[in-house]
C-alpha atoms as a PDB file:
ATOM      1  CA  MET A   1     187.603  88.387 153.878  1.00  0.00           C
ATOM      2  CA  GLY A   2     189.148  91.389 155.578  1.00  0.00           C
ATOM      3  CA  ILE A   3     189.850  94.840 154.211  1.00  0.00           C
ATOM      4  CA  ILE A   4     193.480  95.629 153.558  1.00  0.00           C
ATOM      5  CA  ASN A   5     194.564  99.281 153.668  1.00  0.00           C
ATOM      6  CA  GLN A   6     197.745 100.011 151.802  1.00  0.00           C
ATOM      7  CA  VAL A   7     199.340 103.427 152.064  1.00  0.00           C
ATOM      8  CA  VAL A   8     202.356 104.500 150.097  1.00  0.00           C
ATOM      9  CA  LEU A   9     204.002 107.815 150.811  1.00  0.00           C
ATOM     10  CA  GLY A  10     206.814 109.261 148.793  1.00  0.00           C
ATOM     11  CA  GLN A  11     208.709 112.491 148.669  1.00  0.00           C
ATOM     12  CA  LEU A  12     211.220 113.952 146.229  1.00  0.00           C
ATOM     13  CA  LYS A  13     213.124 117.163 146.637  1.00  0.00           C
ATOM     14  CA  THR A  14     212.684 119.474 143.650  1.00  0.00           C
ATOM     15  CA  GLU A  15     215.253 121.751 142.133  1.00  0.00           C
ATOM     16  CA  GLU A  16     215.244 125.346 143.353  1.00  0.00           C
ATOM     17  CA  LYS A  17     213.217 126.758 140.418  1.00  0.00           C
ATOM     18  CA  SER A  18     211.037 123.686 139.964  1.00  0.00           C
ATOM     19  CA  ASN A  19     207.697 122.534 141.359  1.00  0.00           C
ATOM     20  CA  GLU A  20     205.534 119.470 141.850  1.00  0.00           C
ATOM     21  CA  ILE A  21     204.615 119.269 138.151  1.00  0.00           C
ATOM     22  CA  THR A  22     208.138 118.053 137.438  1.00  0.00           C
ATOM     23  CA  ALA A  23     208.440 115.993 140.626  1.00  0.00           C
ATOM     24  CA  ILE A  24     205.208 113.984 140.306  1.00  0.00           C
ATOM     25  CA  PRO A  25     206.239 112.039 137.163  1.00  0.00           C
ATOM     26  CA  ASN A  26     209.585 111.189 138.773  1.00  0.00           C
ATOM     27  CA  LEU A  27     207.857 110.007 141.934  1.00  0.00           C
ATOM     28  CA  LEU A  28     205.405 107.920 139.909  1.00  0.00           C
ATOM     29  CA  LYS A  29     208.368 106.148 138.277  1.00  0.00           C
ATOM     30  CA  LEU A  30     209.446 104.933 141.723  1.00  0.00           C
ATOM     31  CA  LEU A  31     206.071 103.677 142.945  1.00  0.00           C
ATOM     32  CA  ASP A  32     204.087 100.539 142.145  1.00  0.00           C
ATOM     33  CA  ILE A  33     200.682 102.098 141.587  1.00  0.00           C
ATOM     34  CA  SER A  34     198.997  99.248 139.751  1.00  0.00           C
ATOM     35  CA  GLY A  35     195.417  98.993 141.032  1.00  0.00           C
ATOM     36  CA  CYS A  36     195.799 102.146 143.128  1.00  0.00           C
ATOM     37  CA  ILE A  37     193.872 105.401 143.006  1.00  0.00           C
ATOM     38  CA  ILE A  38     196.160 108.424 142.913  1.00  0.00           C
ATOM     39  CA  MET A  39     194.765 111.737 144.165  1.00  0.00           C
ATOM     40  CA  ILE A  40     196.507 114.954 143.136  1.00  0.00           C
ATOM     41  CA  ASP A  41     195.653 118.611 143.703  1.00  0.00           C
ATOM     42  CA  ALA A  42     194.902 121.081 140.907  1.00  0.00           C
ATOM     43  CA  MET A  43     198.524 121.943 140.173  1.00  0.00           C
ATOM     44  CA  GLY A  44     199.194 118.307 139.320  1.00  0.00           C
ATOM     45  CA  THR A  45     196.206 118.042 136.989  1.00  0.00           C
ATOM     46  CA  GLN A  46     198.216 117.564 133.819  1.00  0.00           C
ATOM     47  CA  LYS A  47     197.567 115.318 130.796  1.00  0.00           C
ATOM     48  CA  LYS A  48     201.086 113.836 130.979  1.00  0.00           C
ATOM     49  CA  ILE A  49     200.661 112.992 134.671  1.00  0.00           C
ATOM     50  CA  ALA A  50     197.264 111.367 134.086  1.00  0.00           C
ATOM     51  CA  LYS A  51     198.733 109.314 131.228  1.00  0.00           C
ATOM     52  CA  LYS A  52     201.687 108.192 133.343  1.00  0.00           C
ATOM     53  CA  ILE A  53     199.274 106.968 136.017  1.00  0.00           C
ATOM     54  CA  THR A  54     197.135 104.992 133.568  1.00  0.00           C
ATOM     55  CA  ASP A  55     200.241 103.653 131.792  1.00  0.00           C
ATOM     56  CA  LYS A  56     201.218 102.120 135.135  1.00  0.00           C
ATOM     57  CA  ASP A  57     197.722 100.576 135.553  1.00  0.00           C
ATOM     58  CA  GLY A  58     196.610 103.081 138.158  1.00  0.00           C
ATOM     59  CA  ASP A  59     193.534 105.264 138.350  1.00  0.00           C
ATOM     60  CA  TYR A  60     193.343 108.885 139.350  1.00  0.00           C
ATOM     61  CA  ILE A  61     191.236 111.575 140.940  1.00  0.00           C
ATOM     62  CA  LEU A  62     192.525 114.962 139.875  1.00  0.00           C
ATOM     63  CA  ALA A  63     191.293 118.344 141.052  1.00  0.00           C
ATOM     64  CA  LEU A  64     189.663 120.634 138.515  1.00  0.00           C
ATOM     65  CA  LYS A  65     189.563 124.382 138.920  1.00  0.00           C
ATOM     66  CA  GLU A  66     187.549 126.936 137.020  1.00  0.00           C
ATOM     67  CA  ASN A  67     190.663 128.454 135.418  1.00  0.00           C
ATOM     68  CA  HIS A  68     190.615 125.521 132.935  1.00  0.00           C
ATOM     69  CA  LYS A  69     187.470 126.941 131.318  1.00  0.00           C
ATOM     70  CA  THR A  70     186.804 124.370 128.568  1.00  0.00           C
ATOM     71  CA  LEU A  71     187.358 121.287 130.703  1.00  0.00           C
ATOM     72  CA  TYR A  72     185.572 122.857 133.671  1.00  0.00           C
ATOM     73  CA  ASN A  73     182.503 123.699 131.584  1.00  0.00           C
ATOM     74  CA  GLU A  74     182.438 120.201 130.071  1.00  0.00           C
ATOM     75  CA  ALA A  75     182.566 118.695 133.557  1.00  0.00           C
ATOM     76  CA  ILE A  76     179.708 120.920 134.740  1.00  0.00           C
ATOM     77  CA  LEU A  77     177.591 119.875 131.737  1.00  0.00           C
ATOM     78  CA  PHE A  78     178.387 116.209 132.341  1.00  0.00           C
ATOM     79  CA  PHE A  79     177.375 116.298 135.996  1.00  0.00           C
ATOM     80  CA  ASP A  80     174.283 118.389 135.235  1.00  0.00           C
ATOM     81  CA  LYS A  81     173.154 115.638 132.838  1.00  0.00           C
ATOM     82  CA  MET A  82     173.829 112.978 135.481  1.00  0.00           C
ATOM     83  CA  GLU A  83     171.400 114.698 137.867  1.00  0.00           C
ATOM     84  CA  LEU A  84     168.452 114.049 135.515  1.00  0.00           C
END
């Protein structure tokens, strides 16, 4: 059985005073992401975006920065416990 690599690229132009936070959900509407892992940078780490991905049967890897103190600290504690 061979390995199949599937790559899907998409691009949407945003409005002048908009950014990727508004474009990502619209792009996700267009893509079949079932069974795919979606990777998004820290700006796209939003609860609504994560939910849209899982609603479409996808999985995600989202960046986490220290400016989200509560979530960041919880992640640090989780991974510290995993090291034991």
